[in-house]
Amino acid sequence: MSRTVPAEVLPPEKPIPRGEEPRTLPDLGFSRRRLALAFALAALADGLSVFLTFTPPVQWAVDLVTAILLFVVLGWQWILLPGLVMEAIPGLYIFPFWVLVVGAVAVWGTARPTRWFGGKR
């Protein structure tokens, strides 16, 4: 039993010039579920780092497990490696680097090295 609901399609408020496409956000290939899971993992790891301040080896293990889980959820993202390094530097773990890294992946996608090293632009 499917019901059809009438819909009215309105023209855009400002006409789009011929030959120009409206700007849309790029498709980064991540589902909302994957991004939500990645943000949850990152927030949990950053929250735990506050409580693990006085046990650096445990904190390093949590950060390593977080990096591995984020690689599983988001795939190979080069920006996760600098995030892991920043979390390992004493004193810098007070900043939410995992959440910032996942946010960067969510906004810009993966870094493409060919873009900066002589590849096509």
PDB file of N, CA and C in Angstrom:
ATOM      1  N   MET A   1       0.830  -1.171   0.000  1.00  0.00           N
ATOM      2  CA  MET A   1       0.000   0.000   0.000  1.00  0.00           C
ATOM      3  C   MET A   1       0.878   1.240   0.000  1.00  0.00           C
ATOM      4  N   SER A   2       1.057   1.783  -1.130  1.00  0.00           N
ATOM      5  CA  SER A   2       1.826   3.024  -1.170  1.00  0.00           C
ATOM      6  C   SER A   2       0.892   4.165  -1.527  1.00  0.00           C
ATOM      7  N   ARG A   3       1.063   5.220  -0.807  1.00  0.00           N
ATOM      8  CA  ARG A   3       0.263   6.404  -1.071  1.00  0.00           C
ATOM      9  C   ARG A   3       1.158   7.438  -1.720  1.00  0.00           C
ATOM     10  N   THR A   4       0.657   8.070  -2.708  1.00  0.00           N
ATOM     11  CA  THR A   4       1.403   9.154  -3.310  1.00  0.00           C
ATOM     12  C   THR A   4       0.927  10.461  -2.699  1.00  0.00           C
ATOM     13  N   VAL A   5       1.881  11.271  -2.370  1.00  0.00           N
ATOM     14  CA  VAL A   5       1.581  12.564  -1.773  1.00  0.00           C
ATOM     15  C   VAL A   5       1.919  13.628  -2.802  1.00  0.00           C
ATOM     16  N   PRO A   6       0.969  14.479  -3.134  1.00  0.00           N
ATOM     17  CA  PRO A   6       1.275  15.514  -4.118  1.00  0.00           C
ATOM     18  C   PRO A   6       2.314  16.478  -3.560  1.00  0.00           C
ATOM     19  N   ALA A   7       3.255  16.858  -4.395  1.00  0.00           N
ATOM     20  CA  ALA A   7       4.300  17.796  -3.996  1.00  0.00           C
ATOM     21  C   ALA A   7       4.376  18.916  -5.015  1.00  0.00           C
ATOM     22  N   GLU A   8       4.615  20.087  -4.529  1.00  0.00           N
ATOM     23  CA  GLU A   8       4.726  21.246  -5.408  1.00  0.00           C
ATOM     24  C   GLU A   8       6.200  21.637  -5.497  1.00  0.00           C
ATOM     25  N   VAL A   9       6.715  21.726  -6.686  1.00  0.00           N
ATOM     26  CA  VAL A   9       8.102  22.107  -6.901  1.00  0.00           C
ATOM     27  C   VAL A   9       8.134  23.583  -7.234  1.00  0.00           C
ATOM     28  N   LEU A  10       8.835  24.318  -6.383  1.00  0.00           N
ATOM     29  CA  LEU A  10       8.926  25.762  -6.579  1.00  0.00           C
ATOM     30  C   LEU A  10      10.228  26.125  -7.261  1.00  0.00           C
ATOM     31  N   PRO A  11      10.237  27.166  -8.064  1.00  0.00           N
ATOM     32  CA  PRO A  11      11.498  27.603  -8.675  1.00  0.00           C
ATOM     33  C   PRO A  11      12.386  28.239  -7.606  1.00  0.00           C
ATOM     34  N   PRO A  12      13.707  28.279  -7.844  1.00  0.00           N
ATOM     35  CA  PRO A  12      14.594  28.928  -6.873  1.00  0.00           C
ATOM     36  C   PRO A  12      14.265  30.416  -6.762  1.00  0.00           C
ATOM     37  N   GLU A  13      14.547  30.966  -5.571  1.00  0.00           N
ATOM     38  CA  GLU A  13      14.260  32.382  -5.351  1.00  0.00           C
ATOM     39  C   GLU A  13      15.070  33.268  -6.296  1.00  0.00           C
ATOM     40  N   LYS A  14      16.320  32.916  -6.466  1.00  0.00           N
ATOM     41  CA  LYS A  14      17.190  33.665  -7.364  1.00  0.00           C
ATOM     42  C   LYS A  14      17.456  32.769  -8.574  1.00  0.00           C
ATOM     43  N   PRO A  15      17.179  33.230  -9.769  1.00  0.00           N
ATOM     44  CA  PRO A  15      17.391  32.369 -10.934  1.00  0.00           C
ATOM     45  C   PRO A  15      18.869  31.983 -11.082  1.00  0.00           C
ATOM     46  N   ILE A  16      19.073  30.737 -11.452  1.00  0.00           N
ATOM     47  CA  ILE A  16      20.432  30.247 -11.681  1.00  0.00           C
ATOM     48  C   ILE A  16      20.795  30.550 -13.129  1.00  0.00           C
ATOM     49  N   PRO A  17      21.913  31.269 -13.355  1.00  0.00           N
ATOM     50  CA  PRO A  17      22.308  31.580 -14.732  1.00  0.00           C
ATOM     51  C   PRO A  17      22.543  30.301 -15.536  1.00  0.00           C
ATOM     52  N   ARG A  18      22.251  30.372 -16.799  1.00  0.00           N
ATOM     53  CA  ARG A  18      22.395  29.220 -17.674  1.00  0.00           C
ATOM     54  C   ARG A  18      23.864  28.784 -17.723  1.00  0.00           C
ATOM     55  N   GLY A  19      24.081  27.506 -17.588  1.00  0.00           N
ATOM     56  CA  GLY A  19      25.430  26.960 -17.646  1.00  0.00           C
ATOM     57  C   GLY A  19      26.105  26.854 -16.283  1.00  0.00           C
ATOM     58  N   GLU A  20      25.502  27.398 -15.252  1.00  0.00           N
ATOM     59  CA  GLU A  20      26.083  27.305 -13.906  1.00  0.00           C
ATOM     60  C   GLU A  20      25.260  26.343 -13.076  1.00  0.00           C
ATOM     61  N   GLU A  21      25.949  25.516 -12.342  1.00  0.00           N
ATOM     62  CA  GLU A  21      25.280  24.580 -11.453  1.00  0.00           C
ATOM     63  C   GLU A  21      25.263  25.174 -10.048  1.00  0.00           C
ATOM     64  N   PRO A  22      24.246  24.891  -9.277  1.00  0.00           N
ATOM     65  CA  PRO A  22      24.256  25.370  -7.894  1.00  0.00           C
ATOM     66  C   PRO A  22      25.362  24.685  -7.103  1.00  0.00           C
ATOM     67  N   ARG A  23      25.951  25.411  -6.177  1.00  0.00           N
ATOM     68  CA  ARG A  23      27.025  24.851  -5.359  1.00  0.00           C
ATOM     69  C   ARG A  23      26.450  23.866  -4.366  1.00  0.00           C
ATOM     70  N   THR A  24      27.052  22.703  -4.294  1.00  0.00           N
ATOM     71  CA  THR A  24      26.649  21.693  -3.330  1.00  0.00           C
ATOM     72  C   THR A  24      27.879  21.242  -2.565  1.00  0.00           C
ATOM     73  N   LEU A  25      27.646  20.671  -1.414  1.00  0.00           N
ATOM     74  CA  LEU A  25      28.752  20.129  -0.637  1.00  0.00           C
ATOM     75  C   LEU A  25      29.272  18.874  -1.321  1.00  0.00           C
ATOM     76  N   PRO A  26      30.589  18.644  -1.281  1.00  0.00           N
ATOM     77  CA  PRO A  26      31.126  17.452  -1.914  1.00  0.00           C
ATOM     78  C   PRO A  26      30.714  16.198  -1.152  1.00  0.00           C
ATOM     79  N   ASP A  27      30.501  15.119  -1.887  1.00  0.00           N
ATOM     80  CA  ASP A  27      30.189  13.842  -1.257  1.00  0.00           C
ATOM     81  C   ASP A  27      31.498  13.221  -0.812  1.00  0.00           C
ATOM     82  N   LEU A  28      31.667  13.072   0.503  1.00  0.00           N
ATOM     83  CA  LEU A  28      32.919  12.566   1.038  1.00  0.00           C
ATOM     84  C   LEU A  28      32.933  11.050   1.168  1.00  0.00           C
ATOM     85  N   GLY A  29      31.814  10.425   0.903  1.00  0.00           N
ATOM     86  CA  GLY A  29      31.775   8.975   0.926  1.00  0.00           C
ATOM     87  C   GLY A  29      31.543   8.374   2.299  1.00  0.00           C
ATOM     88  N   PHE A  30      31.236   9.172   3.293  1.00  0.00           N
ATOM     89  CA  PHE A  30      30.985   8.655   4.631  1.00  0.00           C
ATOM     90  C   PHE A  30      29.500   8.787   4.942  1.00  0.00           C
ATOM     91  N   SER A  31      28.938   7.728   5.488  1.00  0.00           N
ATOM     92  CA  SER A  31      27.541   7.808   5.897  1.00  0.00           C
ATOM     93  C   SER A  31      27.461   8.565   7.223  1.00  0.00           C
ATOM     94  N   ARG A  32      26.284   9.031   7.523  1.00  0.00           N
ATOM     95  CA  ARG A  32      26.086   9.737   8.807  1.00  0.00           C
ATOM     96  C   ARG A  32      26.383   8.812   9.975  1.00  0.00           C
ATOM     97  N   ARG A  33      26.050   7.553   9.818  1.00  0.00           N
ATOM     98  CA  ARG A  33      26.296   6.581  10.891  1.00  0.00           C
ATOM     99  C   ARG A  33      27.799   6.423  11.153  1.00  0.00           C
ATOM    100  N   ARG A  34      28.582   6.323  10.089  1.00  0.00           N
ATOM    101  CA  ARG A  34      30.038   6.192  10.266  1.00  0.00           C
ATOM    102  C   ARG A  34      30.640   7.442  10.915  1.00  0.00           C
ATOM    103  N   LEU A  35      30.201   8.605  10.467  1.00  0.00           N
ATOM    104  CA  LEU A  35      30.713   9.839  11.064  1.00  0.00           C
ATOM    105  C   LEU A  35      30.287   9.973  12.518  1.00  0.00           C
ATOM    106  N   ALA A  36      29.056   9.597  12.831  1.00  0.00           N
ATOM    107  CA  ALA A  36      28.598   9.661  14.220  1.00  0.00           C
ATOM    108  C   ALA A  36      29.405   8.703  15.094  1.00  0.00           C
ATOM    109  N   LEU A  37      29.674   7.506  14.586  1.00  0.00           N
ATOM    110  CA  LEU A  37      30.482   6.544  15.335  1.00  0.00           C
ATOM    111  C   LEU A  37      31.903   7.071  15.526  1.00  0.00           C
ATOM    112  N   ALA A  38      32.472   7.662  14.479  1.00  0.00           N
ATOM    113  CA  ALA A  38      33.828   8.212  14.586  1.00  0.00           C
ATOM    114  C   ALA A  38      33.879   9.356  15.597  1.00  0.00           C
ATOM    115  N   PHE A  39      32.870  10.240  15.569  1.00  0.00           N
ATOM    116  CA  PHE A  39      32.830  11.329  16.550  1.00  0.00           C
ATOM    117  C   PHE A  39      32.663  10.782  17.966  1.00  0.00           C
ATOM    118  N   ALA A  40      31.852   9.743  18.138  1.00  0.00           N
ATOM    119  CA  ALA A  40      31.658   9.156  19.467  1.00  0.00           C
ATOM    120  C   ALA A  40      32.957   8.540  19.983  1.00  0.00           C
ATOM    121  N   LEU A  41      33.663   7.811  19.127  1.00  0.00           N
ATOM    122  CA  LEU A  41      34.951   7.230  19.524  1.00  0.00           C
ATOM    123  C   LEU A  41      35.957   8.319  19.884  1.00  0.00           C
ATOM    124  N   ALA A  42      36.008   9.370  19.065  1.00  0.00           N
ATOM    125  CA  ALA A  42      36.952  10.459  19.314  1.00  0.00           C
ATOM    126  C   ALA A  42      36.621  11.187  20.618  1.00  0.00           C
ATOM    127  N   ALA A  43      35.350  11.439  20.857  1.00  0.00           N
ATOM    128  CA  ALA A  43      34.955  12.129  22.083  1.00  0.00           C
ATOM    129  C   ALA A  43      35.243  11.268  23.310  1.00  0.00           C
ATOM    130  N   LEU A  44      34.993   9.968  23.209  1.00  0.00           N
ATOM    131  CA  LEU A  44      35.282   9.064  24.319  1.00  0.00           C
ATOM    132  C   LEU A  44      36.777   9.034  24.620  1.00  0.00           C
ATOM    133  N   ALA A  45      37.591   8.951  23.584  1.00  0.00           N
ATOM    134  CA  ALA A  45      39.036   8.927  23.792  1.00  0.00           C
ATOM    135  C   ALA A  45      39.538  10.239  24.382  1.00  0.00           C
ATOM    136  N   ASP A  46      39.035  11.368  23.894  1.00  0.00           N
ATOM    137  CA  ASP A  46      39.457  12.657  24.439  1.00  0.00           C
ATOM    138  C   ASP A  46      38.972  12.829  25.877  1.00  0.00           C
ATOM    139  N   GLY A  47      37.794  12.316  26.182  1.00  0.00           N
ATOM    140  CA  GLY A  47      37.298  12.373  27.555  1.00  0.00           C
ATOM    141  C   GLY A  47      38.114  11.500  28.496  1.00  0.00           C
ATOM    142  N   LEU A  48      38.493  10.315  28.026  1.00  0.00           N
ATOM    143  CA  LEU A  48      39.319   9.436  28.851  1.00  0.00           C
ATOM    144  C   LEU A  48      40.702  10.017  29.104  1.00  0.00           C
ATOM    145  N   SER A  49      41.229  10.764  28.148  1.00  0.00           N
ATOM    146  CA  SER A  49      42.582  11.312  28.314  1.00  0.00           C
ATOM    147  C   SER A  49      42.668  12.264  29.495  1.00  0.00           C
ATOM    148  N   VAL A  50      41.550  12.896  29.849  1.00  0.00           N
ATOM    149  CA  VAL A  50      41.542  13.782  31.021  1.00  0.00           C
ATOM    150  C   VAL A  50      41.749  12.966  32.290  1.00  0.00           C
ATOM    151  N   PHE A  51      41.122  11.797  32.369  1.00  0.00           N
ATOM    152  CA  PHE A  51      41.223  10.967  33.565  1.00  0.00           C
ATOM    153  C   PHE A  51      42.499  10.138  33.608  1.00  0.00           C
ATOM    154  N   LEU A  52      43.149   9.963  32.465  1.00  0.00           N
ATOM    155  CA  LEU A  52      44.359   9.145  32.405  1.00  0.00           C
ATOM    156  C   LEU A  52      45.631   9.994  32.393  1.00  0.00           C
ATOM    157  N   THR A  53      45.545  11.207  32.879  1.00  0.00           N
ATOM    158  CA  THR A  53      46.678  12.131  32.849  1.00  0.00           C
ATOM    159  C   THR A  53      47.888  11.568  33.577  1.00  0.00           C
ATOM    160  N   PHE A  54      47.664  10.907  34.693  1.00  0.00           N
ATOM    161  CA  PHE A  54      48.784  10.442  35.510  1.00  0.00           C
ATOM    162  C   PHE A  54      49.220   9.024  35.184  1.00  0.00           C
ATOM    163  N   THR A  55      48.671   8.431  34.158  1.00  0.00           N
ATOM    164  CA  THR A  55      49.085   7.097  33.707  1.00  0.00           C
ATOM    165  C   THR A  55      49.363   7.136  32.205  1.00  0.00           C
ATOM    166  N   PRO A  56      50.492   7.734  31.829  1.00  0.00           N
ATOM    167  CA  PRO A  56      50.791   7.875  30.393  1.00  0.00           C
ATOM    168  C   PRO A  56      50.785   6.573  29.594  1.00  0.00           C
ATOM    169  N   PRO A  57      51.326   5.450  30.088  1.00  0.00           N
ATOM    170  CA  PRO A  57      51.286   4.238  29.252  1.00  0.00           C
ATOM    171  C   PRO A  57      49.859   3.792  28.921  1.00  0.00           C
ATOM    172  N   VAL A  58      48.944   3.933  29.875  1.00  0.00           N
ATOM    173  CA  VAL A  58      47.557   3.563  29.613  1.00  0.00           C
ATOM    174  C   VAL A  58      46.958   4.535  28.596  1.00  0.00           C
ATOM    175  N   GLN A  59      47.295   5.791  28.737  1.00  0.00           N
ATOM    176  CA  GLN A  59      46.786   6.798  27.801  1.00  0.00           C
ATOM    177  C   GLN A  59      47.295   6.542  26.386  1.00  0.00           C
ATOM    178  N   TRP A  60      48.552   6.160  26.250  1.00  0.00           N
ATOM    179  CA  TRP A  60      49.103   5.854  24.932  1.00  0.00           C
ATOM    180  C   TRP A  60      48.383   4.649  24.323  1.00  0.00           C
ATOM    181  N   ALA A  61      48.082   3.651  25.164  1.00  0.00           N
ATOM    182  CA  ALA A  61      47.367   2.473  24.667  1.00  0.00           C
ATOM    183  C   ALA A  61      45.968   2.862  24.196  1.00  0.00           C
ATOM    184  N   VAL A  62      45.288   3.723  24.960  1.00  0.00           N
ATOM    185  CA  VAL A  62      43.961   4.176  24.560  1.00  0.00           C
ATOM    186  C   VAL A  62      44.041   4.936  23.239  1.00  0.00           C
ATOM    187  N   ASP A  63      45.058   5.789  23.079  1.00  0.00           N
ATOM    188  CA  ASP A  63      45.202   6.543  21.835  1.00  0.00           C
ATOM    189  C   ASP A  63      45.508   5.623  20.650  1.00  0.00           C
ATOM    190  N   LEU A  64      46.320   4.611  20.870  1.00  0.00           N
ATOM    191  CA  LEU A  64      46.627   3.666  19.794  1.00  0.00           C
ATOM    192  C   LEU A  64      45.381   2.884  19.386  1.00  0.00           C
ATOM    193  N   VAL A  65      44.608   2.429  20.365  1.00  0.00           N
ATOM    194  CA  VAL A  65      43.363   1.715  20.070  1.00  0.00           C
ATOM    195  C   VAL A  65      42.377   2.655  19.361  1.00  0.00           C
ATOM    196  N   THR A  66      42.333   3.911  19.794  1.00  0.00           N
ATOM    197  CA  THR A  66      41.457   4.884  19.141  1.00  0.00           C
ATOM    198  C   THR A  66      41.844   5.074  17.685  1.00  0.00           C
ATOM    199  N   ALA A  67      43.138   5.213  17.416  1.00  0.00           N
ATOM    200  CA  ALA A  67      43.600   5.382  16.033  1.00  0.00           C
ATOM    201  C   ALA A  67      43.224   4.169  15.185  1.00  0.00           C
ATOM    202  N   ILE A  68      43.409   2.973  15.725  1.00  0.00           N
ATOM    203  CA  ILE A  68      43.077   1.758  14.975  1.00  0.00           C
ATOM    204  C   ILE A  68      41.574   1.703  14.696  1.00  0.00           C
ATOM    205  N   LEU A  69      40.761   2.012  15.712  1.00  0.00           N
ATOM    206  CA  LEU A  69      39.308   1.994  15.515  1.00  0.00           C
ATOM    207  C   LEU A  69      38.862   3.055  14.511  1.00  0.00           C
ATOM    208  N   LEU A  70      39.484   4.227  14.539  1.00  0.00           N
ATOM    209  CA  LEU A  70      39.132   5.263  13.571  1.00  0.00           C
ATOM    210  C   LEU A  70      39.546   4.865  12.155  1.00  0.00           C
ATOM    211  N   PHE A  71      40.679   4.158  12.031  1.00  0.00           N
ATOM    212  CA  PHE A  71      41.067   3.636  10.716  1.00  0.00           C
ATOM    213  C   PHE A  71      40.046   2.614  10.222  1.00  0.00           C
ATOM    214  N   VAL A  72      39.509   1.803  11.125  1.00  0.00           N
ATOM    215  CA  VAL A  72      38.503   0.817  10.736  1.00  0.00           C
ATOM    216  C   VAL A  72      37.213   1.517  10.306  1.00  0.00           C
ATOM    217  N   VAL A  73      36.801   2.541  11.062  1.00  0.00           N
ATOM    218  CA  VAL A  73      35.534   3.217  10.777  1.00  0.00           C
ATOM    219  C   VAL A  73      35.630   4.118   9.551  1.00  0.00           C
ATOM    220  N   LEU A  74      36.711   4.904   9.439  1.00  0.00           N
ATOM    221  CA  LEU A  74      36.823   5.906   8.372  1.00  0.00           C
ATOM    222  C   LEU A  74      37.685   5.460   7.195  1.00  0.00           C
ATOM    223  N   GLY A  75      38.353   4.335   7.311  1.00  0.00           N
ATOM    224  CA  GLY A  75      39.274   3.931   6.263  1.00  0.00           C
ATOM    225  C   GLY A  75      40.611   4.634   6.461  1.00  0.00           C
ATOM    226  N   TRP A  76      41.519   4.416   5.522  1.00  0.00           N
ATOM    227  CA  TRP A  76      42.853   5.001   5.650  1.00  0.00           C
ATOM    228  C   TRP A  76      42.779   6.506   5.423  1.00  0.00           C
ATOM    229  N   GLN A  77      42.979   7.261   6.477  1.00  0.00           N
ATOM    230  CA  GLN A  77      42.994   8.716   6.425  1.00  0.00           C
ATOM    231  C   GLN A  77      44.348   9.180   6.952  1.00  0.00           C
ATOM    232  N   TRP A  78      45.112   9.844   6.118  1.00  0.00           N
ATOM    233  CA  TRP A  78      46.441  10.295   6.507  1.00  0.00           C
ATOM    234  C   TRP A  78      46.419  11.231   7.700  1.00  0.00           C
ATOM    235  N   ILE A  79      45.369  11.995   7.858  1.00  0.00           N
ATOM    236  CA  ILE A  79      45.318  12.978   8.929  1.00  0.00           C
ATOM    237  C   ILE A  79      45.209  12.321  10.313  1.00  0.00           C
ATOM    238  N   LEU A  80      44.877  11.043  10.380  1.00  0.00           N
ATOM    239  CA  LEU A  80      44.828  10.360  11.673  1.00  0.00           C
ATOM    240  C   LEU A  80      46.222  10.166  12.263  1.00  0.00           C
ATOM    241  N   LEU A  81      47.224  10.035  11.422  1.00  0.00           N
ATOM    242  CA  LEU A  81      48.593   9.829  11.926  1.00  0.00           C
ATOM    243  C   LEU A  81      49.126  11.053  12.673  1.00  0.00           C
ATOM    244  N   PRO A  82      49.005  12.277  12.142  1.00  0.00           N
ATOM    245  CA  PRO A  82      49.423  13.429  12.948  1.00  0.00           C
ATOM    246  C   PRO A  82      48.597  13.571  14.225  1.00  0.00           C
ATOM    247  N   GLY A  83      47.332  13.176  14.185  1.00  0.00           N
ATOM    248  CA  GLY A  83      46.512  13.204  15.395  1.00  0.00           C
ATOM    249  C   GLY A  83      47.069  12.273  16.451  1.00  0.00           C
ATOM    250  N   LEU A  84      47.522  11.092  16.044  1.00  0.00           N
ATOM    251  CA  LEU A  84      48.126  10.145  16.978  1.00  0.00           C
ATOM    252  C   LEU A  84      49.419  10.704  17.559  1.00  0.00           C
ATOM    253  N   VAL A  85      50.227  11.342  16.729  1.00  0.00           N
ATOM    254  CA  VAL A  85      51.478  11.944  17.210  1.00  0.00           C
ATOM    255  C   VAL A  85      51.187  13.065  18.201  1.00  0.00           C
ATOM    256  N   MET A  86      50.206  13.911  17.886  1.00  0.00           N
ATOM    257  CA  MET A  86      49.880  15.023  18.788  1.00  0.00           C
ATOM    258  C   MET A  86      49.351  14.518  20.129  1.00  0.00           C
ATOM    259  N   GLU A  87      48.621  13.422  20.119  1.00  0.00           N
ATOM    260  CA  GLU A  87      48.122  12.862  21.372  1.00  0.00           C
ATOM    261  C   GLU A  87      49.242  12.262  22.208  1.00  0.00           C
ATOM    262  N   ALA A  88      50.342  11.857  21.581  1.00  0.00           N
ATOM    263  CA  ALA A  88      51.443  11.238  22.311  1.00  0.00           C
ATOM    264  C   ALA A  88      52.375  12.261  22.956  1.00  0.00           C
ATOM    265  N   ILE A  89      52.296  13.517  22.546  1.00  0.00           N
ATOM    266  CA  ILE A  89      53.168  14.549  23.115  1.00  0.00           C
ATOM    267  C   ILE A  89      52.616  14.959  24.473  1.00  0.00           C
ATOM    268  N   PRO A  90      53.444  14.835  25.533  1.00  0.00           N
ATOM    269  CA  PRO A  90      52.966  15.187  26.875  1.00  0.00           C
ATOM    270  C   PRO A  90      52.504  16.647  26.944  1.00  0.00           C
ATOM    271  N   GLY A  91      51.370  16.841  27.560  1.00  0.00           N
ATOM    272  CA  GLY A  91      50.827  18.184  27.742  1.00  0.00           C
ATOM    273  C   GLY A  91      49.866  18.613  26.650  1.00  0.00           C
ATOM    274  N   LEU A  92      49.993  18.063  25.456  1.00  0.00           N
ATOM    275  CA  LEU A  92      49.100  18.443  24.361  1.00  0.00           C
ATOM    276  C   LEU A  92      47.810  17.641  24.343  1.00  0.00           C
ATOM    277  N   TYR A  93      47.750  16.595  25.145  1.00  0.00           N
ATOM    278  CA  TYR A  93      46.544  15.765  25.153  1.00  0.00           C
ATOM    279  C   TYR A  93      45.359  16.471  25.796  1.00  0.00           C
ATOM    280  N   ILE A  94      45.571  17.653  26.351  1.00  0.00           N
ATOM    281  CA  ILE A  94      44.440  18.382  26.927  1.00  0.00           C
ATOM    282  C   ILE A  94      43.548  18.964  25.839  1.00  0.00           C
ATOM    283  N   PHE A  95      44.068  19.070  24.619  1.00  0.00           N
ATOM    284  CA  PHE A  95      43.263  19.546  23.495  1.00  0.00           C
ATOM    285  C   PHE A  95      42.535  18.352  22.877  1.00  0.00           C
ATOM    286  N   PRO A  96      41.325  18.534  22.413  1.00  0.00           N
ATOM    287  CA  PRO A  96      40.558  17.407  21.845  1.00  0.00           C
ATOM    288  C   PRO A  96      40.994  17.093  20.412  1.00  0.00           C
ATOM    289  N   PHE A  97      42.221  16.603  20.254  1.00  0.00           N
ATOM    290  CA  PHE A  97      42.747  16.369  18.908  1.00  0.00           C
ATOM    291  C   PHE A  97      41.959  15.329  18.134  1.00  0.00           C
ATOM    292  N   TRP A  98      41.477  14.272  18.794  1.00  0.00           N
ATOM    293  CA  TRP A  98      40.738  13.248  18.053  1.00  0.00           C
ATOM    294  C   TRP A  98      39.453  13.824  17.475  1.00  0.00           C
ATOM    295  N   VAL A  99      38.751  14.638  18.253  1.00  0.00           N
ATOM    296  CA  VAL A  99      37.524  15.243  17.746  1.00  0.00           C
ATOM    297  C   VAL A  99      37.848  16.215  16.607  1.00  0.00           C
ATOM    298  N   LEU A 100      38.935  16.967  16.745  1.00  0.00           N
ATOM    299  CA  LEU A 100      39.337  17.890  15.684  1.00  0.00           C
ATOM    300  C   LEU A 100      39.716  17.151  14.404  1.00  0.00           C
ATOM    301  N   VAL A 101      40.404  16.032  14.547  1.00  0.00           N
ATOM    302  CA  VAL A 101      40.814  15.245  13.375  1.00  0.00           C
ATOM    303  C   VAL A 101      39.593  14.662  12.662  1.00  0.00           C
ATOM    304  N   VAL A 102      38.661  14.099  13.426  1.00  0.00           N
ATOM    305  CA  VAL A 102      37.448  13.543  12.810  1.00  0.00           C
ATOM    306  C   VAL A 102      36.628  14.664  12.178  1.00  0.00           C
ATOM    307  N   GLY A 103      36.590  15.820  12.812  1.00  0.00           N
ATOM    308  CA  GLY A 103      35.896  16.971  12.227  1.00  0.00           C
ATOM    309  C   GLY A 103      36.529  17.396  10.910  1.00  0.00           C
ATOM    310  N   ALA A 104      37.859  17.374  10.851  1.00  0.00           N
ATOM    311  CA  ALA A 104      38.548  17.722   9.602  1.00  0.00           C
ATOM    312  C   ALA A 104      38.230  16.714   8.501  1.00  0.00           C
ATOM    313  N   VAL A 105      38.177  15.440   8.857  1.00  0.00           N
ATOM    314  CA  VAL A 105      37.829  14.413   7.872  1.00  0.00           C
ATOM    315  C   VAL A 105      36.387  14.598   7.412  1.00  0.00           C
ATOM    316  N   ALA A 106      35.498  14.950   8.340  1.00  0.00           N
ATOM    317  CA  ALA A 106      34.091  15.133   7.990  1.00  0.00           C
ATOM    318  C   ALA A 106      33.879  16.332   7.080  1.00  0.00           C
ATOM    319  N   VAL A 107      34.673  17.392   7.277  1.00  0.00           N
ATOM    320  CA  VAL A 107      34.488  18.611   6.492  1.00  0.00           C
ATOM    321  C   VAL A 107      35.229  18.543   5.157  1.00  0.00           C
ATOM    322  N   TRP A 108      36.487  18.129   5.190  1.00  0.00           N
ATOM    323  CA  TRP A 108      37.313  18.195   3.982  1.00  0.00           C
ATOM    324  C   TRP A 108      37.563  16.859   3.313  1.00  0.00           C
ATOM    325  N   GLY A 109      37.269  15.771   3.975  1.00  0.00           N
ATOM    326  CA  GLY A 109      37.556  14.466   3.390  1.00  0.00           C
ATOM    327  C   GLY A 109      39.011  14.096   3.605  1.00  0.00           C
ATOM    328  N   THR A 110      39.472  13.181   2.830  1.00  0.00           N
ATOM    329  CA  THR A 110      40.840  12.707   2.974  1.00  0.00           C
ATOM    330  C   THR A 110      41.820  13.615   2.249  1.00  0.00           C
ATOM    331  N   ALA A 111      43.031  13.670   2.771  1.00  0.00           N
ATOM    332  CA  ALA A 111      44.082  14.424   2.093  1.00  0.00           C
ATOM    333  C   ALA A 111      44.555  13.615   0.895  1.00  0.00           C
ATOM    334  N   ARG A 112      44.754  14.271  -0.199  1.00  0.00           N
ATOM    335  CA  ARG A 112      45.225  13.598  -1.407  1.00  0.00           C
ATOM    336  C   ARG A 112      46.623  14.103  -1.719  1.00  0.00           C
ATOM    337  N   PRO A 113      47.659  13.290  -1.419  1.00  0.00           N
ATOM    338  CA  PRO A 113      49.031  13.749  -1.594  1.00  0.00           C
ATOM    339  C   PRO A 113      49.358  14.179  -3.022  1.00  0.00           C
ATOM    340  N   THR A 114      48.748  13.588  -4.041  1.00  0.00           N
ATOM    341  CA  THR A 114      49.063  13.975  -5.418  1.00  0.00           C
ATOM    342  C   THR A 114      48.672  15.421  -5.686  1.00  0.00           C
ATOM    343  N   ARG A 115      47.764  15.921  -4.914  1.00  0.00           N
ATOM    344  CA  ARG A 115      47.310  17.298  -5.090  1.00  0.00           C
ATOM    345  C   ARG A 115      48.444  18.289  -4.785  1.00  0.00           C
ATOM    346  N   TRP A 116      49.279  17.946  -3.805  1.00  0.00           N
ATOM    347  CA  TRP A 116      50.328  18.871  -3.384  1.00  0.00           C
ATOM    348  C   TRP A 116      51.675  18.541  -3.994  1.00  0.00           C
ATOM    349  N   PHE A 117      51.848  17.342  -4.501  1.00  0.00           N
ATOM    350  CA  PHE A 117      53.155  16.931  -4.990  1.00  0.00           C
ATOM    351  C   PHE A 117      53.183  16.771  -6.498  1.00  0.00           C
ATOM    352  N   GLY A 118      52.664  17.741  -7.205  1.00  0.00           N
ATOM    353  CA  GLY A 118      52.801  17.752  -8.647  1.00  0.00           C
ATOM    354  C   GLY A 118      51.726  17.015  -9.402  1.00  0.00           C
ATOM    355  N   GLY A 119      50.697  16.548  -8.737  1.00  0.00           N
ATOM    356  CA  GLY A 119      49.616  15.867  -9.435  1.00  0.00           C
ATOM    357  C   GLY A 119      48.642  16.853 -10.049  1.00  0.00           C
ATOM    358  N   LYS A 120      47.564  16.319 -10.573  1.00  0.00           N
ATOM    359  CA  LYS A 120      46.549  17.188 -11.176  1.00  0.00           C
ATOM    360  C   LYS A 120      45.859  18.010 -10.100  1.00  0.00           C
ATOM    361  N   ARG A 121      45.485  19.206 -10.436  1.00  0.00           N
ATOM    362  CA  ARG A 121      44.799  20.068  -9.484  1.00  0.00           C
ATOM    363  C   ARG A 121      43.349  20.111  -9.771  1.00  0.00           C
TER     364      ARG A 121
END
